[in-house]
C-alpha atoms as a PDB file:
ATOM      1  CA  MET A   1     134.253-100.898-121.036  1.00  0.00           C
ATOM      2  CA  ALA A   2     131.235-103.073-120.290  1.00  0.00           C
ATOM      3  CA  GLU A   3     131.585-106.734-119.340  1.00  0.00           C
ATOM      4  CA  LEU A   4     129.543-109.743-118.318  1.00  0.00           C
ATOM      5  CA  SER A   5     129.099-110.389-114.619  1.00  0.00           C
ATOM      6  CA  GLY A   6     127.064-112.714-112.500  1.00  0.00           C
ATOM      7  CA  PRO A   7     124.118-110.969-110.875  1.00  0.00           C
ATOM      8  CA  THR A   8     125.406-108.802-108.026  1.00  0.00           C
ATOM      9  CA  VAL A   9     123.939-106.579-105.326  1.00  0.00           C
ATOM     10  CA  ARG A  10     126.655-104.036-106.160  1.00  0.00           C
ATOM     11  CA  VAL A  11     124.474-102.555-108.926  1.00  0.00           C
ATOM     12  CA  HIS A  12     121.257-102.422-106.906  1.00  0.00           C
ATOM     13  CA  ARG A  13     120.440 -98.741-107.524  1.00  0.00           C
ATOM     14  CA  SER A  14     121.241 -98.918-111.253  1.00  0.00           C
ATOM     15  CA  PHE A  15     119.262-102.149-111.660  1.00  0.00           C
ATOM     16  CA  VAL A  16     116.155-100.627-110.077  1.00  0.00           C
ATOM     17  CA  SER A  17     116.527 -97.591-112.351  1.00  0.00           C
ATOM     18  CA  ALA A  18     116.829 -99.852-115.420  1.00  0.00           C
ATOM     19  CA  MET A  19     113.716-101.791-114.437  1.00  0.00           C
ATOM     20  CA  ALA A  20     111.803 -98.494-114.167  1.00  0.00           C
ATOM     21  CA  GLU A  21     112.912 -97.720-117.746  1.00  0.00           C
ATOM     22  CA  PHE A  22     111.588-101.090-118.929  1.00  0.00           C
ATOM     23  CA  ARG A  23     108.322-100.531-117.057  1.00  0.00           C
ATOM     24  CA  ASP A  24     108.005 -97.061-118.650  1.00  0.00           C
ATOM     25  CA  GLU A  25     108.195 -98.610-122.119  1.00  0.00           C
ATOM     26  CA  GLY A  26     105.379-101.010-121.258  1.00  0.00           C
ATOM     27  CA  ARG A  27     107.279-104.102-120.146  1.00  0.00           C
ATOM     28  CA  GLY A  28     105.846-106.201-117.320  1.00  0.00           C
ATOM     29  CA  SER A  29     102.237-106.073-118.471  1.00  0.00           C
ATOM     30  CA  PRO A  30     100.232-109.319-118.354  1.00  0.00           C
ATOM     31  CA  ALA A  31     100.762-109.585-122.134  1.00  0.00           C
ATOM     32  CA  ASP A  32     104.581-109.484-121.728  1.00  0.00           C
ATOM     33  CA  GLY A  33     105.538-113.165-121.899  1.00  0.00           C
ATOM     34  CA  SER A  34     109.265-112.537-121.527  1.00  0.00           C
ATOM     35  CA  ALA A  35     111.386-113.466-118.517  1.00  0.00           C
ATOM     36  CA  LEU A  36     111.905-109.764-117.897  1.00  0.00           C
ATOM     37  CA  GLY A  37     108.155-109.214-117.920  1.00  0.00           C
ATOM     38  CA  ALA A  38     107.627-112.056-115.451  1.00  0.00           C
ATOM     39  CA  ASP A  39     110.334-110.682-113.150  1.00  0.00           C
ATOM     40  CA  LEU A  40     108.786-107.209-113.239  1.00  0.00           C
ATOM     41  CA  ARG A  41     105.385-108.606-112.317  1.00  0.00           C
ATOM     42  CA  GLU A  42     106.700-110.825-109.526  1.00  0.00           C
ATOM     43  CA  PHE A  43     109.591-108.921-107.963  1.00  0.00           C
ATOM     44  CA  GLU A  44     109.445-105.218-108.831  1.00  0.00           C
ATOM     45  CA  PRO A  45     107.566-104.052-105.737  1.00  0.00           C
ATOM     46  CA  GLY A  46     110.285-105.448-103.449  1.00  0.00           C
ATOM     47  CA  TRP A  47     113.432-104.612-105.440  1.00  0.00           C
ATOM     48  CA  ALA A  48     113.847-101.247-103.674  1.00  0.00           C
ATOM     49  CA  ARG A  49     114.547-103.096-100.399  1.00  0.00           C
ATOM     50  CA  PRO A  50     118.177-104.306-100.259  1.00  0.00           C
ATOM     51  CA  GLU A  51     117.306-107.623 -98.599  1.00  0.00           C
ATOM     52  CA  ILE A  52     114.654-108.433-101.227  1.00  0.00           C
ATOM     53  CA  PHE A  53     117.036-107.486-104.024  1.00  0.00           C
ATOM     54  CA  ALA A  54     119.768-109.698-102.489  1.00  0.00           C
ATOM     55  CA  ALA A  55     117.314-112.622-102.382  1.00  0.00           C
ATOM     56  CA  TYR A  56     116.470-111.988-106.044  1.00  0.00           C
ATOM     57  CA  VAL A  57     120.170-112.026-106.966  1.00  0.00           C
ATOM     58  CA  ASP A  58     120.612-115.303-105.054  1.00  0.00           C
ATOM     59  CA  ARG A  59     117.595-116.778-106.863  1.00  0.00           C
ATOM     60  CA  LEU A  60     118.991-115.883-110.289  1.00  0.00           C
ATOM     61  CA  ARG A  61     122.305-117.510-109.408  1.00  0.00           C
ATOM     62  CA  ALA A  62     120.550-120.641-108.115  1.00  0.00           C
ATOM     63  CA  LEU A  63     118.539-121.062-111.329  1.00  0.00           C
ATOM     64  CA  ALA A  64     121.741-122.066-113.125  1.00  0.00           C
ATOM     65  CA  LEU A  65     122.067-125.146-110.905  1.00  0.00           C
ATOM     66  CA  PRO A  66     120.397-128.322-112.167  1.00  0.00           C
ATOM     67  CA  ASP A  67     119.048-129.313-108.725  1.00  0.00           C
ATOM     68  CA  THR A  68     117.302-125.997-108.033  1.00  0.00           C
ATOM     69  CA  PRO A  69     113.519-126.490-107.873  1.00  0.00           C
ATOM     70  CA  ARG A  70     111.751-124.868-110.812  1.00  0.00           C
ATOM     71  CA  PRO A  71     108.459-125.229-112.703  1.00  0.00           C
ATOM     72  CA  ALA A  72     108.260-128.410-114.757  1.00  0.00           C
ATOM     73  CA  ASP A  73     108.507-126.528-118.066  1.00  0.00           C
ATOM     74  CA  HIS A  74     111.640-124.542-117.078  1.00  0.00           C
ATOM     75  CA  VAL A  75     115.265-125.588-117.588  1.00  0.00           C
ATOM     76  CA  PRO A  76     118.460-124.489-115.828  1.00  0.00           C
ATOM     77  CA  SER A  77     119.382-121.004-117.007  1.00  0.00           C
ATOM     78  CA  THR A  78     122.522-118.952-116.463  1.00  0.00           C
ATOM     79  CA  THR A  79     121.774-115.245-116.125  1.00  0.00           C
ATOM     80  CA  LEU A  80     124.586-112.770-116.676  1.00  0.00           C
ATOM     81  CA  TRP A  81     124.442-109.013-116.405  1.00  0.00           C
ATOM     82  CA  TRP A  82     126.127-106.549-118.755  1.00  0.00           C
ATOM     83  CA  LEU A  83     127.762-103.940-116.541  1.00  0.00           C
ATOM     84  CA  HIS A  84     129.905-100.861-116.941  1.00  0.00           C
ATOM     85  CA  ALA A  85     131.451-100.289-113.505  1.00  0.00           C
ATOM     86  CA  ASP A  86     128.383-100.064-111.234  1.00  0.00           C
ATOM     87  CA  GLU A  87     125.945 -99.359-114.052  1.00  0.00           C
ATOM     88  CA  TYR A  88     123.513-102.087-115.075  1.00  0.00           C
ATOM     89  CA  LEU A  89     123.130-102.033-118.870  1.00  0.00           C
ATOM     90  CA  GLY A  90     121.345-105.292-119.587  1.00  0.00           C
ATOM     91  CA  ARG A  91     121.138-109.012-119.126  1.00  0.00           C
ATOM     92  CA  VAL A  92     121.479-112.221-121.037  1.00  0.00           C
ATOM     93  CA  ALA A  93     119.922-115.560-120.085  1.00  0.00           C
ATOM     94  CA  ILE A  94     121.439-118.767-121.401  1.00  0.00           C
ATOM     95  CA  ARG A  95     119.059-121.716-121.193  1.00  0.00           C
ATOM     96  CA  HIS A  96     121.059-124.906-120.848  1.00  0.00           C
ATOM     97  CA  GLN A  97     118.727-126.991-123.029  1.00  0.00           C
ATOM     98  CA  LEU A  98     115.645-126.605-125.160  1.00  0.00           C
ATOM     99  CA  THR A  99     112.078-127.595-124.389  1.00  0.00           C
ATOM    100  CA  PRO A 100     109.556-127.945-127.207  1.00  0.00           C
ATOM    101  CA  HIS A 101     108.321-124.415-126.404  1.00  0.00           C
ATOM    102  CA  LEU A 102     111.855-122.942-126.430  1.00  0.00           C
ATOM    103  CA  ARG A 103     112.456-124.555-129.845  1.00  0.00           C
ATOM    104  CA  GLU A 104     109.564-122.511-131.207  1.00  0.00           C
ATOM    105  CA  ALA A 105     110.022-119.217-129.379  1.00  0.00           C
ATOM    106  CA  GLY A 106     112.746-118.326-126.919  1.00  0.00           C
ATOM    107  CA  GLY A 107     115.690-120.479-127.905  1.00  0.00           C
ATOM    108  CA  HIS A 108     118.854-120.961-125.879  1.00  0.00           C
ATOM    109  CA  ILE A 109     119.612-117.280-125.361  1.00  0.00           C
ATOM    110  CA  GLY A 110     117.499-114.244-124.581  1.00  0.00           C
ATOM    111  CA  TYR A 111     118.727-110.735-123.850  1.00  0.00           C
ATOM    112  CA  ASP A 112     117.572-107.233-122.944  1.00  0.00           C
ATOM    113  CA  ILE A 113     119.375-103.874-122.949  1.00  0.00           C
ATOM    114  CA  ARG A 114     117.933-101.073-120.844  1.00  0.00           C
ATOM    115  CA  PRO A 115     116.306 -98.419-123.042  1.00  0.00           C
ATOM    116  CA  SER A 116     118.777 -95.631-122.157  1.00  0.00           C
ATOM    117  CA  ALA A 117     121.733 -97.819-123.225  1.00  0.00           C
ATOM    118  CA  ARG A 118     120.396 -98.965-126.610  1.00  0.00           C
ATOM    119  CA  ARG A 119     121.894 -98.180-130.016  1.00  0.00           C
ATOM    120  CA  ARG A 120     125.445 -98.165-128.677  1.00  0.00           C
ATOM    121  CA  GLY A 121     126.468-101.719-129.597  1.00  0.00           C
ATOM    122  CA  HIS A 122     125.850-103.200-126.148  1.00  0.00           C
ATOM    123  CA  ALA A 123     123.521-105.986-127.313  1.00  0.00           C
ATOM    124  CA  THR A 124     125.949-107.131-130.005  1.00  0.00           C
ATOM    125  CA  ALA A 125     128.901-107.073-127.613  1.00  0.00           C
ATOM    126  CA  MET A 126     126.942-108.754-124.812  1.00  0.00           C
ATOM    127  CA  LEU A 127     125.800-111.604-127.061  1.00  0.00           C
ATOM    128  CA  ARG A 128     129.342-112.007-128.398  1.00  0.00           C
ATOM    129  CA  ALA A 129     130.648-112.277-124.817  1.00  0.00           C
ATOM    130  CA  ALA A 130     127.905-114.759-123.869  1.00  0.00           C
ATOM    131  CA  LEU A 131     128.532-117.223-126.706  1.00  0.00           C
ATOM    132  CA  PRO A 132     131.683-118.766-125.125  1.00  0.00           C
ATOM    133  CA  VAL A 133     129.702-119.204-121.894  1.00  0.00           C
ATOM    134  CA  ALA A 134     127.054-121.098-123.867  1.00  0.00           C
ATOM    135  CA  ARG A 135     129.822-123.197-125.433  1.00  0.00           C
ATOM    136  CA  ALA A 136     131.181-124.050-121.960  1.00  0.00           C
ATOM    137  CA  LEU A 137     127.664-125.241-121.049  1.00  0.00           C
ATOM    138  CA  GLY A 138     127.798-127.711-123.959  1.00  0.00           C
ATOM    139  CA  ILE A 139     125.798-125.692-126.480  1.00  0.00           C
ATOM    140  CA  GLU A 140     127.622-125.973-129.822  1.00  0.00           C
ATOM    141  CA  SER A 141     125.124-123.934-131.790  1.00  0.00           C
ATOM    142  CA  ALA A 142     122.650-121.695-129.972  1.00  0.00           C
ATOM    143  CA  LEU A 143     119.094-121.150-131.109  1.00  0.00           C
ATOM    144  CA  LEU A 144     118.007-117.516-130.854  1.00  0.00           C
ATOM    145  CA  THR A 145     114.623-116.157-131.812  1.00  0.00           C
ATOM    146  CA  CYS A 146     113.320-112.653-132.351  1.00  0.00           C
ATOM    147  CA  ASP A 147     110.070-111.052-133.391  1.00  0.00           C
ATOM    148  CA  VAL A 148     109.901-110.531-137.143  1.00  0.00           C
ATOM    149  CA  THR A 149     109.337-106.824-136.442  1.00  0.00           C
ATOM    150  CA  ASN A 150     112.443-106.500-134.245  1.00  0.00           C
ATOM    151  CA  THR A 151     115.007-105.389-136.812  1.00  0.00           C
ATOM    152  CA  ALA A 152     117.527-104.338-134.150  1.00  0.00           C
ATOM    153  CA  SER A 153     117.559-107.789-132.542  1.00  0.00           C
ATOM    154  CA  ARG A 154     117.843-109.462-135.937  1.00  0.00           C
ATOM    155  CA  ARG A 155     120.926-107.322-136.679  1.00  0.00           C
ATOM    156  CA  VAL A 156     122.469-108.275-133.316  1.00  0.00           C
ATOM    157  CA  ILE A 157     121.967-111.976-134.008  1.00  0.00           C
ATOM    158  CA  GLU A 158     123.292-111.744-137.576  1.00  0.00           C
ATOM    159  CA  ALA A 159     126.310-109.690-136.426  1.00  0.00           C
ATOM    160  CA  ASN A 160     127.197-112.634-134.190  1.00  0.00           C
ATOM    161  CA  GLY A 161     127.051-115.153-137.031  1.00  0.00           C
ATOM    162  CA  GLY A 162     123.382-116.061-136.774  1.00  0.00           C
ATOM    163  CA  VAL A 163     121.980-117.986-139.718  1.00  0.00           C
ATOM    164  CA  LEU A 164     118.248-117.770-140.312  1.00  0.00           C
ATOM    165  CA  GLU A 165     116.639-121.199-140.225  1.00  0.00           C
ATOM    166  CA  ASP A 166     113.013-120.216-140.668  1.00  0.00           C
ATOM    167  CA  ARG A 167     110.071-118.106-139.642  1.00  0.00           C
ATOM    168  CA  ARG A 168     107.452-119.596-137.362  1.00  0.00           C
ATOM    169  CA  GLY A 169     104.479-117.343-136.881  1.00  0.00           C
ATOM    170  CA  ASP A 170     105.742-113.966-135.691  1.00  0.00           C
ATOM    171  CA  LYS A 171     109.240-115.267-134.818  1.00  0.00           C
ATOM    172  CA  PHE A 172     112.435-115.677-136.808  1.00  0.00           C
ATOM    173  CA  ARG A 173     114.651-118.585-135.681  1.00  0.00           C
ATOM    174  CA  PHE A 174     118.440-118.337-136.010  1.00  0.00           C
ATOM    175  CA  TRP A 175     121.316-120.691-135.211  1.00  0.00           C
ATOM    176  CA  VAL A 176     124.452-118.998-133.888  1.00  0.00           C
ATOM    177  CA  PRO A 177     127.780-120.835-133.534  1.00  0.00           C
ATOM    178  CA  THR A 178     129.217-120.607-130.016  1.00  0.00           C
ATOM    179  CA  SER A 179     132.868-120.929-130.974  1.00  0.00           C
END
């Protein structure tokens, strides 16, 4: 059974394999504005080296702390990985507060499931497991967004109680209770 975990070097090999799957589907291009895309562009060349991967894991953990230096437009964010034993299946990022940009596109929570693990209920279960973590961070109702063309993500959000607020451009905006 899969479960949430803090980022860990234990899944190094599986993580690198998952990132190759994302890259193969086109993620990480300059047009990919997601956190995953940014990580692929910045860190992928070094992830194969255990010491670089360990530094990446430490960085993800540090980004949850309010005093960690970060760009002015970024907020503290807790990253959790969805693991089955030593297999990396996906990740969820919980942003502790909203910026004006995150209110439009991004929201409190973003998630990705590796391509080979999709269509098995992992995204729905991972989001369900992450909502109490968001609640513990003081988020009573989490804003989640998805592309209007992403039917699978919309189903995941709605399966977790998401209520559509509106459509802004190419994004749907949902509020999901965290309790």
